[in-house]
Amino acid sequence: TTLQRYEARLARALAGVINLLDPDVI
């Protein structure tokens, strides 16, 4: 469950990067 919380947070945080920067690769 700790890892699933981590993955959900990383996904939300990187989604913000994609919305702003729209990178080809992370």
PDB file of all heavy atoms in Angstrom:
ATOM      1  N   THR A   1       0.827  -1.209   0.000  1.00  0.00           N
ATOM      2  CA  THR A   1       0.000   0.000   0.000  1.00  0.00           C
ATOM      3  C   THR A   1       0.862   1.260   0.000  1.00  0.00           C
ATOM      4  O   THR A   1       0.529   2.256  -0.646  1.00  0.00           O
ATOM      5  CB  THR A   1      -0.954  -0.004   1.199  1.00  0.00           C
ATOM      6  OG1 THR A   1      -1.761  -1.187   1.136  1.00  0.00           O
ATOM      7  CG2 THR A   1      -1.861   1.214   1.199  1.00  0.00           C
ATOM      8  N   THR A   2       1.991   1.223   0.703  1.00  0.00           N
ATOM      9  CA  THR A   2       2.921   2.359   0.682  1.00  0.00           C
ATOM     10  C   THR A   2       3.421   2.617  -0.729  1.00  0.00           C
ATOM     11  O   THR A   2       3.473   3.769  -1.186  1.00  0.00           O
ATOM     12  CB  THR A   2       4.105   2.097   1.628  1.00  0.00           C
ATOM     13  OG1 THR A   2       3.637   2.049   2.981  1.00  0.00           O
ATOM     14  CG2 THR A   2       5.165   3.189   1.507  1.00  0.00           C
ATOM     15  N   LEU A   3       3.781   1.561  -1.451  1.00  0.00           N
ATOM     16  CA  LEU A   3       4.261   1.735  -2.822  1.00  0.00           C
ATOM     17  C   LEU A   3       3.156   2.249  -3.735  1.00  0.00           C
ATOM     18  O   LEU A   3       3.413   3.068  -4.629  1.00  0.00           O
ATOM     19  CB  LEU A   3       4.825   0.428  -3.359  1.00  0.00           C
ATOM     20  CG  LEU A   3       6.103  -0.089  -2.696  1.00  0.00           C
ATOM     21  CD1 LEU A   3       6.619  -1.312  -3.435  1.00  0.00           C
ATOM     22  CD2 LEU A   3       7.179   0.984  -2.634  1.00  0.00           C
ATOM     23  N   GLN A   4       1.943   1.811  -3.524  1.00  0.00           N
ATOM     24  CA  GLN A   4       0.838   2.305  -4.344  1.00  0.00           C
ATOM     25  C   GLN A   4       0.575   3.788  -4.089  1.00  0.00           C
ATOM     26  O   GLN A   4       0.278   4.540  -5.023  1.00  0.00           O
ATOM     27  CB  GLN A   4      -0.413   1.478  -4.087  1.00  0.00           C
ATOM     28  CG  GLN A   4      -0.322   0.063  -4.641  1.00  0.00           C
ATOM     29  CD  GLN A   4      -1.600  -0.731  -4.439  1.00  0.00           C
ATOM     30  OE1 GLN A   4      -2.661  -0.179  -4.156  1.00  0.00           O
ATOM     31  NE2 GLN A   4      -1.504  -2.045  -4.582  1.00  0.00           N
ATOM     32  N   ARG A   5       0.696   4.221  -2.828  1.00  0.00           N
ATOM     33  CA  ARG A   5       0.569   5.661  -2.542  1.00  0.00           C
ATOM     34  C   ARG A   5       1.676   6.429  -3.241  1.00  0.00           C
ATOM     35  O   ARG A   5       1.458   7.506  -3.811  1.00  0.00           O
ATOM     36  CB  ARG A   5       0.623   5.929  -1.030  1.00  0.00           C
ATOM     37  CG  ARG A   5      -0.632   5.596  -0.257  1.00  0.00           C
ATOM     38  CD  ARG A   5      -0.602   6.196   1.141  1.00  0.00           C
ATOM     39  NE  ARG A   5       0.534   5.746   1.928  1.00  0.00           N
ATOM     40  CZ  ARG A   5       0.555   4.656   2.688  1.00  0.00           C
ATOM     41  NH1 ARG A   5      -0.528   3.886   2.755  1.00  0.00           N
ATOM     42  NH2 ARG A   5       1.627   4.313   3.381  1.00  0.00           N
ATOM     43  N   TYR A   6       2.889   5.873  -3.211  1.00  0.00           N
ATOM     44  CA  TYR A   6       4.031   6.527  -3.856  1.00  0.00           C
ATOM     45  C   TYR A   6       3.788   6.662  -5.359  1.00  0.00           C
ATOM     46  O   TYR A   6       4.001   7.735  -5.946  1.00  0.00           O
ATOM     47  CB  TYR A   6       5.304   5.727  -3.589  1.00  0.00           C
ATOM     48  CG  TYR A   6       6.555   6.385  -4.119  1.00  0.00           C
ATOM     49  CD1 TYR A   6       7.278   7.265  -3.327  1.00  0.00           C
ATOM     50  CD2 TYR A   6       7.007   6.132  -5.413  1.00  0.00           C
ATOM     51  CE1 TYR A   6       8.431   7.883  -3.807  1.00  0.00           C
ATOM     52  CE2 TYR A   6       8.140   6.744  -5.901  1.00  0.00           C
ATOM     53  CZ  TYR A   6       8.852   7.622  -5.100  1.00  0.00           C
ATOM     54  OH  TYR A   6       9.981   8.240  -5.588  1.00  0.00           O
ATOM     55  N   GLU A   7       3.327   5.602  -5.977  1.00  0.00           N
ATOM     56  CA  GLU A   7       3.086   5.622  -7.420  1.00  0.00           C
ATOM     57  C   GLU A   7       1.997   6.622  -7.794  1.00  0.00           C
ATOM     58  O   GLU A   7       2.115   7.341  -8.796  1.00  0.00           O
ATOM     59  CB  GLU A   7       2.706   4.219  -7.888  1.00  0.00           C
ATOM     60  CG  GLU A   7       3.873   3.252  -7.859  1.00  0.00           C
ATOM     61  CD  GLU A   7       3.463   1.796  -7.867  1.00  0.00           C
ATOM     62  OE1 GLU A   7       2.236   1.507  -7.833  1.00  0.00           O
ATOM     63  OE2 GLU A   7       4.366   0.934  -7.905  1.00  0.00           O
ATOM     64  N   ALA A   8       0.949   6.688  -6.984  1.00  0.00           N
ATOM     65  CA  ALA A   8      -0.135   7.633  -7.263  1.00  0.00           C
ATOM     66  C   ALA A   8       0.357   9.073  -7.153  1.00  0.00           C
ATOM     67  O   ALA A   8       0.002   9.933  -7.974  1.00  0.00           O
ATOM     68  CB  ALA A   8      -1.300   7.392  -6.308  1.00  0.00           C
ATOM     69  N   ARG A   9       1.190   9.341  -6.170  1.00  0.00           N
ATOM     70  CA  ARG A   9       1.728  10.696  -5.995  1.00  0.00           C
ATOM     71  C   ARG A   9       2.677  11.054  -7.124  1.00  0.00           C
ATOM     72  O   ARG A   9       2.646  12.179  -7.644  1.00  0.00           O
ATOM     73  CB  ARG A   9       2.433  10.798  -4.640  1.00  0.00           C
ATOM     74  CG  ARG A   9       1.487  10.746  -3.457  1.00  0.00           C
ATOM     75  CD  ARG A   9       2.228  10.440  -2.170  1.00  0.00           C
ATOM     76  NE  ARG A   9       1.330  10.432  -1.026  1.00  0.00           N
ATOM     77  CZ  ARG A   9       1.592   9.812   0.115  1.00  0.00           C
ATOM     78  NH1 ARG A   9       2.742   9.154   0.267  1.00  0.00           N
ATOM     79  NH2 ARG A   9       0.725   9.846   1.104  1.00  0.00           N
ATOM     80  N   LEU A  10       3.538  10.122  -7.502  1.00  0.00           N
ATOM     81  CA  LEU A  10       4.468  10.381  -8.598  1.00  0.00           C
ATOM     82  C   LEU A  10       3.697  10.640  -9.887  1.00  0.00           C
ATOM     83  O   LEU A  10       4.053  11.540 -10.667  1.00  0.00           O
ATOM     84  CB  LEU A  10       5.423   9.196  -8.762  1.00  0.00           C
ATOM     85  CG  LEU A  10       6.482   9.300  -9.854  1.00  0.00           C
ATOM     86  CD1 LEU A  10       7.352  10.544  -9.685  1.00  0.00           C
ATOM     87  CD2 LEU A  10       7.356   8.042  -9.877  1.00  0.00           C
ATOM     88  N   ALA A  11       2.641   9.881 -10.110  1.00  0.00           N
ATOM     89  CA  ALA A  11       1.834  10.076 -11.322  1.00  0.00           C
ATOM     90  C   ALA A  11       1.183  11.451 -11.341  1.00  0.00           C
ATOM     91  O   ALA A  11       1.178  12.136 -12.374  1.00  0.00           O
ATOM     92  CB  ALA A  11       0.767   8.985 -11.410  1.00  0.00           C
ATOM     93  N   ARG A  12       0.621  11.882 -10.210  1.00  0.00           N
ATOM     94  CA  ARG A  12      -0.014  13.206 -10.165  1.00  0.00           C
ATOM     95  C   ARG A  12       1.019  14.302 -10.370  1.00  0.00           C
ATOM     96  O   ARG A  12       0.772  15.293 -11.082  1.00  0.00           O
ATOM     97  CB  ARG A  12      -0.726  13.402  -8.819  1.00  0.00           C
ATOM     98  CG  ARG A  12      -1.853  12.424  -8.612  1.00  0.00           C
ATOM     99  CD  ARG A  12      -2.792  12.773  -7.469  1.00  0.00           C
ATOM    100  NE  ARG A  12      -2.235  13.304  -6.267  1.00  0.00           N
ATOM    101  CZ  ARG A  12      -2.099  12.613  -5.115  1.00  0.00           C
ATOM    102  NH1 ARG A  12      -2.433  11.329  -5.061  1.00  0.00           N
ATOM    103  NH2 ARG A  12      -1.636  13.198  -4.043  1.00  0.00           N
ATOM    104  N   ALA A  13       2.178  14.139  -9.756  1.00  0.00           N
ATOM    105  CA  ALA A  13       3.211  15.168  -9.865  1.00  0.00           C
ATOM    106  C   ALA A  13       3.754  15.257 -11.287  1.00  0.00           C
ATOM    107  O   ALA A  13       3.966  16.354 -11.818  1.00  0.00           O
ATOM    108  CB  ALA A  13       4.334  14.873  -8.875  1.00  0.00           C
ATOM    109  N   LEU A  14       3.974  14.115 -11.937  1.00  0.00           N
ATOM    110  CA  LEU A  14       4.488  14.136 -13.306  1.00  0.00           C
ATOM    111  C   LEU A  14       3.424  14.565 -14.307  1.00  0.00           C
ATOM    112  O   LEU A  14       3.753  15.139 -15.354  1.00  0.00           O
ATOM    113  CB  LEU A  14       5.049  12.764 -13.682  1.00  0.00           C
ATOM    114  CG  LEU A  14       6.346  12.368 -12.983  1.00  0.00           C
ATOM    115  CD1 LEU A  14       6.781  10.976 -13.410  1.00  0.00           C
ATOM    116  CD2 LEU A  14       7.461  13.380 -13.259  1.00  0.00           C
ATOM    117  N   ALA A  15       2.148  14.317 -13.999  1.00  0.00           N
ATOM    118  CA  ALA A  15       1.085  14.808 -14.881  1.00  0.00           C
ATOM    119  C   ALA A  15       1.136  16.322 -14.980  1.00  0.00           C
ATOM    120  O   ALA A  15       0.912  16.900 -16.056  1.00  0.00           O
ATOM    121  CB  ALA A  15      -0.277  14.348 -14.372  1.00  0.00           C
ATOM    122  N   GLY A  16       1.448  16.982 -13.873  1.00  0.00           N
ATOM    123  CA  GLY A  16       1.595  18.437 -13.912  1.00  0.00           C
ATOM    124  C   GLY A  16       2.727  18.864 -14.821  1.00  0.00           C
ATOM    125  O   GLY A  16       2.619  19.864 -15.548  1.00  0.00           O
ATOM    126  N   VAL A  17       3.836  18.121 -14.798  1.00  0.00           N
ATOM    127  CA  VAL A  17       4.958  18.412 -15.691  1.00  0.00           C
ATOM    128  C   VAL A  17       4.538  18.238 -17.147  1.00  0.00           C
ATOM    129  O   VAL A  17       4.854  19.062 -18.011  1.00  0.00           O
ATOM    130  CB  VAL A  17       6.157  17.491 -15.369  1.00  0.00           C
ATOM    131  CG1 VAL A  17       7.255  17.645 -16.411  1.00  0.00           C
ATOM    132  CG2 VAL A  17       6.697  17.790 -13.981  1.00  0.00           C
ATOM    133  N   ILE A  18       3.811  17.172 -17.429  1.00  0.00           N
ATOM    134  CA  ILE A  18       3.385  16.918 -18.806  1.00  0.00           C
ATOM    135  C   ILE A  18       2.437  18.010 -19.281  1.00  0.00           C
ATOM    136  O   ILE A  18       2.551  18.497 -20.422  1.00  0.00           O
ATOM    137  CB  ILE A  18       2.724  15.527 -18.910  1.00  0.00           C
ATOM    138  CG1 ILE A  18       3.750  14.430 -18.603  1.00  0.00           C
ATOM    139  CG2 ILE A  18       2.138  15.308 -20.302  1.00  0.00           C
ATOM    140  CD1 ILE A  18       3.163  13.052 -18.443  1.00  0.00           C
ATOM    141  N   ASN A  19       1.521  18.440 -18.431  1.00  0.00           N
ATOM    142  CA  ASN A  19       0.590  19.501 -18.827  1.00  0.00           C
ATOM    143  C   ASN A  19       1.303  20.817 -19.114  1.00  0.00           C
ATOM    144  O   ASN A  19       0.868  21.598 -19.975  1.00  0.00           O
ATOM    145  CB  ASN A  19      -0.459  19.713 -17.735  1.00  0.00           C
ATOM    146  CG  ASN A  19      -1.523  18.634 -17.729  1.00  0.00           C
ATOM    147  OD1 ASN A  19      -1.787  17.995 -18.744  1.00  0.00           O
ATOM    148  ND2 ASN A  19      -2.144  18.420 -16.580  1.00  0.00           N
ATOM    149  N   LEU A  20       2.394  21.094 -18.413  1.00  0.00           N
ATOM    150  CA  LEU A  20       3.122  22.348 -18.615  1.00  0.00           C
ATOM    151  C   LEU A  20       4.171  22.264 -19.710  1.00  0.00           C
ATOM    152  O   LEU A  20       4.297  23.158 -20.537  1.00  0.00           O
ATOM    153  CB  LEU A  20       3.802  22.764 -17.309  1.00  0.00           C
ATOM    154  CG  LEU A  20       2.918  23.382 -16.232  1.00  0.00           C
ATOM    155  CD1 LEU A  20       3.714  23.541 -14.943  1.00  0.00           C
ATOM    156  CD2 LEU A  20       2.392  24.739 -16.686  1.00  0.00           C
ATOM    157  N   LEU A  21       4.926  21.181 -19.731  1.00  0.00           N
ATOM    158  CA  LEU A  21       6.105  21.081 -20.588  1.00  0.00           C
ATOM    159  C   LEU A  21       5.887  20.177 -21.795  1.00  0.00           C
ATOM    160  O   LEU A  21       6.524  20.354 -22.829  1.00  0.00           O
ATOM    161  CB  LEU A  21       7.280  20.555 -19.748  1.00  0.00           C
ATOM    162  CG  LEU A  21       8.669  20.561 -20.356  1.00  0.00           C
ATOM    163  CD1 LEU A  21       9.107  21.982 -20.698  1.00  0.00           C
ATOM    164  CD2 LEU A  21       9.670  19.925 -19.381  1.00  0.00           C
ATOM    165  N   ASP A  22       4.996  19.212 -21.661  1.00  0.00           N
ATOM    166  CA  ASP A  22       4.696  18.226 -22.710  1.00  0.00           C
ATOM    167  C   ASP A  22       5.975  17.601 -23.259  1.00  0.00           C
ATOM    168  O   ASP A  22       6.227  17.612 -24.475  1.00  0.00           O
ATOM    169  CB  ASP A  22       3.890  18.862 -23.839  1.00  0.00           C
ATOM    170  CG  ASP A  22       3.108  17.832 -24.645  1.00  0.00           C
ATOM    171  OD1 ASP A  22       3.028  16.663 -24.212  1.00  0.00           O
ATOM    172  OD2 ASP A  22       2.583  18.186 -25.715  1.00  0.00           O
ATOM    173  N   PRO A  23       6.801  17.004 -22.381  1.00  0.00           N
ATOM    174  CA  PRO A  23       8.073  16.449 -22.851  1.00  0.00           C
ATOM    175  C   PRO A  23       7.881  15.183 -23.673  1.00  0.00           C
ATOM    176  O   PRO A  23       6.901  14.441 -23.505  1.00  0.00           O
ATOM    177  CB  PRO A  23       8.806  16.131 -21.546  1.00  0.00           C
ATOM    178  CG  PRO A  23       7.707  15.862 -20.562  1.00  0.00           C
ATOM    179  CD  PRO A  23       6.595  16.799 -20.944  1.00  0.00           C
ATOM    180  N   ASP A  24       8.837  14.929 -24.555  1.00  0.00           N
ATOM    181  CA  ASP A  24       8.859  13.672 -25.295  1.00  0.00           C
ATOM    182  C   ASP A  24       9.179  12.502 -24.362  1.00  0.00           C
ATOM    183  O   ASP A  24       8.615  11.413 -24.507  1.00  0.00           O
ATOM    184  CB  ASP A  24       9.914  13.730 -26.402  1.00  0.00           C
ATOM    185  CG  ASP A  24       9.620  14.817 -27.414  1.00  0.00           C
ATOM    186  OD1 ASP A  24       8.702  14.637 -28.223  1.00  0.00           O
ATOM    187  OD2 ASP A  24      10.301  15.862 -27.367  1.00  0.00           O
ATOM    188  N   VAL A  25      10.114  12.743 -23.445  1.00  0.00           N
ATOM    189  CA  VAL A  25      10.598  11.688 -22.565  1.00  0.00           C
ATOM    190  C   VAL A  25      10.786  12.244 -21.160  1.00  0.00           C
ATOM    191  O   VAL A  25      11.271  13.372 -20.994  1.00  0.00           O
ATOM    192  CB  VAL A  25      11.950  11.111 -23.064  1.00  0.00           C
ATOM    193  CG1 VAL A  25      12.399   9.951 -22.182  1.00  0.00           C
ATOM    194  CG2 VAL A  25      11.854  10.663 -24.509  1.00  0.00           C
ATOM    195  N   ILE A  26      10.416  11.455 -20.159  1.00  0.00           N
ATOM    196  CA  ILE A  26      10.760  11.723 -18.762  1.00  0.00           C
ATOM    197  C   ILE A  26      11.708  10.615 -18.327  1.00  0.00           C
ATOM    198  O   ILE A  26      11.390   9.428 -18.432  1.00  0.00           O
ATOM    199  CB  ILE A  26       9.522  11.761 -17.854  1.00  0.00           C
ATOM    200  CG1 ILE A  26       8.605  12.916 -18.254  1.00  0.00           C
ATOM    201  CG2 ILE A  26       9.933  11.883 -16.382  1.00  0.00           C
ATOM    202  CD1 ILE A  26       7.282  12.953 -17.489  1.00  0.00           C
TER     203      ILE A  26
END
